[in-house]
Amino acid sequence: MFLISERNQKIIVISLTVIFIGLFFFLSEKEHNKLDKERKENAKYTIGITKGVDWVYKSSAVHIKYEYKIFIDTYTATDVKPSKLKVKKKGGYYIVEFSKKNRQNSKMLFDLGEIPPKKVKELFEYSIGFWDTIPAW
């Protein structure tokens, strides 16, 4: 019978834990990159409104919840606010990039700045609910 010392058992458990955590992050990042690529290859644009802070991890990782509509369908998502940008956390209008193949695959483009509320109505008067390119305002 083969016995493993208590010290070696701890080393094995710690090693396996590190391997599984590393594998999880690797696969998550791979999926995230796949979604980013798919969204950029099939990009359409609309306007979304921020709904508040979803959760905060340190001051550099504030997750903002937002909503956007395409025709009559409403979608809700969360995106990370870049730490250097001032973003209106609730009630701010921003451009949303989404994939025409999977409309739930979206990203709020905070770096383009907030759209003035008066311009939102004007932009939608000349659209079908989304654009092929980023609209100017």
Protein backbone atom coordinates (compact mmCIF):
# COMPACT_ATOMS: atom_id res chain seq x y z
CA MET A 1 0.00 0.00 0.00
CA PHE A 2 1.26 3.43 -0.99
CA LEU A 3 0.90 6.20 1.61
CA ILE A 4 1.35 9.88 0.89
CA SER A 5 2.62 12.05 3.71
CA GLU A 6 0.42 14.85 5.00
CA ARG A 7 2.88 17.42 3.65
CA ASN A 8 2.78 15.90 0.15
CA GLN A 9 -1.03 15.72 0.28
CA LYS A 10 -1.14 19.48 0.92
CA ILE A 11 1.27 20.11 -1.96
CA ILE A 12 -0.87 17.99 -4.31
CA VAL A 13 -4.11 19.73 -3.27
CA ILE A 14 -2.56 23.20 -3.66
CA SER A 15 -1.04 22.27 -7.05
CA LEU A 16 -4.33 20.90 -8.36
CA THR A 17 -6.20 23.98 -7.13
CA VAL A 18 -3.76 26.30 -8.91
CA ILE A 19 -4.01 24.24 -12.10
CA PHE A 20 -7.84 24.30 -12.06
CA ILE A 21 -7.97 28.05 -11.36
CA GLY A 22 -5.46 28.71 -14.15
CA LEU A 23 -7.43 26.53 -16.55
CA PHE A 24 -10.66 28.33 -15.63
CA PHE A 25 -9.15 31.76 -16.34
CA PHE A 26 -7.54 30.54 -19.57
CA LEU A 27 -10.84 29.15 -20.89
CA SER A 28 -12.78 32.25 -19.74
CA GLU A 29 -10.35 34.55 -21.53
CA LYS A 30 -10.51 32.40 -24.67
CA GLU A 31 -14.34 32.61 -24.69
CA HIS A 32 -14.22 36.37 -24.03
CA ASN A 33 -11.83 36.87 -26.98
CA LYS A 34 -14.07 34.74 -29.20
CA LEU A 35 -17.11 36.91 -28.32
CA ASP A 36 -15.13 40.14 -28.89
CA LYS A 37 -13.99 38.95 -32.32
CA GLU A 38 -17.50 37.82 -33.31
CA ARG A 39 -18.99 41.16 -32.16
CA LYS A 40 -16.42 43.23 -34.06
CA GLU A 41 -16.83 41.19 -37.26
CA ASN A 42 -20.64 41.62 -37.15
CA ALA A 43 -20.85 45.05 -35.52
CA LYS A 44 -23.99 47.16 -35.44
CA TYR A 45 -24.58 50.18 -33.21
CA THR A 46 -27.43 51.55 -31.13
CA ILE A 47 -27.91 53.75 -28.08
CA GLY A 48 -28.02 52.39 -24.54
CA ILE A 49 -28.80 53.93 -21.18
CA THR A 50 -26.88 53.27 -17.98
CA LYS A 51 -28.96 51.78 -15.17
CA GLY A 52 -26.54 51.93 -12.26
CA VAL A 53 -23.57 50.16 -10.72
CA ASP A 54 -23.88 46.38 -10.87
CA TRP A 55 -20.89 45.70 -8.61
CA VAL A 56 -17.52 47.18 -7.74
CA TYR A 57 -14.19 45.41 -7.51
CA LYS A 58 -11.71 48.03 -6.35
CA SER A 59 -12.03 51.52 -7.80
CA SER A 60 -10.54 50.43 -11.13
CA ALA A 61 -13.23 47.87 -11.94
CA VAL A 62 -16.70 49.37 -11.70
CA HIS A 63 -19.29 47.29 -13.54
CA ILE A 64 -22.10 49.39 -14.98
CA LYS A 65 -25.48 47.86 -15.85
CA TYR A 66 -27.10 49.16 -19.04
CA GLU A 67 -30.07 48.62 -21.32
CA TYR A 68 -30.46 48.99 -25.06
CA LYS A 69 -33.28 48.38 -27.52
CA ILE A 70 -33.26 46.96 -31.00
CA PHE A 71 -36.67 47.42 -32.57
CA ILE A 72 -39.06 46.27 -29.80
CA ASP A 73 -36.59 43.98 -27.98
CA THR A 74 -34.86 45.25 -24.84
CA TYR A 75 -31.50 43.83 -23.77
CA THR A 76 -29.70 44.24 -20.46
CA ALA A 77 -25.95 43.86 -20.01
CA THR A 78 -23.07 44.84 -17.76
CA ASP A 79 -19.77 46.34 -18.83
CA VAL A 80 -16.63 47.49 -17.06
CA LYS A 81 -16.20 51.26 -16.90
CA PRO A 82 -12.66 52.34 -17.81
CA SER A 83 -11.08 53.73 -14.66
CA LYS A 84 -9.84 56.94 -16.32
CA LEU A 85 -13.21 57.95 -17.77
CA LYS A 86 -15.96 59.87 -16.02
CA VAL A 87 -19.18 57.98 -16.73
CA LYS A 88 -22.73 58.83 -15.73
CA LYS A 89 -23.62 55.68 -13.80
CA LYS A 90 -27.38 56.08 -14.06
CA GLY A 91 -29.32 57.73 -16.87
CA GLY A 92 -26.38 58.33 -19.22
CA TYR A 93 -26.75 57.65 -22.95
CA TYR A 94 -23.86 55.94 -24.75
CA ILE A 95 -23.28 54.08 -28.00
CA VAL A 96 -23.60 50.29 -27.72
CA GLU A 97 -21.82 47.99 -30.13
CA PHE A 98 -23.58 44.64 -30.61
CA SER A 99 -23.32 41.65 -32.91
CA LYS A 100 -25.96 41.27 -35.60
CA LYS A 101 -25.63 37.48 -35.15
CA ASN A 102 -26.07 37.55 -31.37
CA ARG A 103 -27.69 40.77 -30.18
CA GLN A 104 -26.89 39.95 -26.55
CA ASN A 105 -23.17 40.12 -27.35
CA SER A 106 -22.67 43.82 -26.66
CA LYS A 107 -20.26 46.41 -25.33
CA MET A 108 -21.05 49.94 -24.21
CA LEU A 109 -18.54 52.31 -25.78
CA PHE A 110 -17.89 54.61 -22.82
CA ASP A 111 -14.77 56.03 -24.44
CA LEU A 112 -16.89 57.81 -27.11
CA GLY A 113 -18.46 59.93 -24.40
CA GLU A 114 -22.01 60.54 -23.29
CA ILE A 115 -24.63 61.47 -25.90
CA PRO A 116 -26.59 64.58 -24.90
CA PRO A 117 -30.22 63.57 -24.17
CA LYS A 118 -31.56 66.03 -26.80
CA LYS A 119 -29.48 64.29 -29.48
CA VAL A 120 -30.81 60.82 -28.58
CA LYS A 121 -34.30 61.58 -29.92
CA GLU A 122 -32.82 63.21 -33.02
CA LEU A 123 -30.58 60.22 -33.74
CA PHE A 124 -33.47 57.75 -33.46
CA GLU A 125 -35.64 59.82 -35.83
CA TYR A 126 -33.21 58.96 -38.62
CA SER A 127 -32.65 55.30 -37.84
CA ILE A 128 -34.32 51.90 -37.90
CA GLY A 129 -33.20 51.16 -34.35
CA PHE A 130 -29.53 50.59 -35.12
CA TRP A 131 -26.74 51.70 -37.44
CA ASP A 132 -24.05 49.99 -39.52
CA THR A 133 -21.49 52.59 -38.41
CA ILE A 134 -21.08 54.69 -35.29
CA PRO A 135 -23.39 57.73 -35.67
CA ALA A 136 -21.99 61.23 -35.24
CA TRP A 137 -23.70 63.61 -32.85
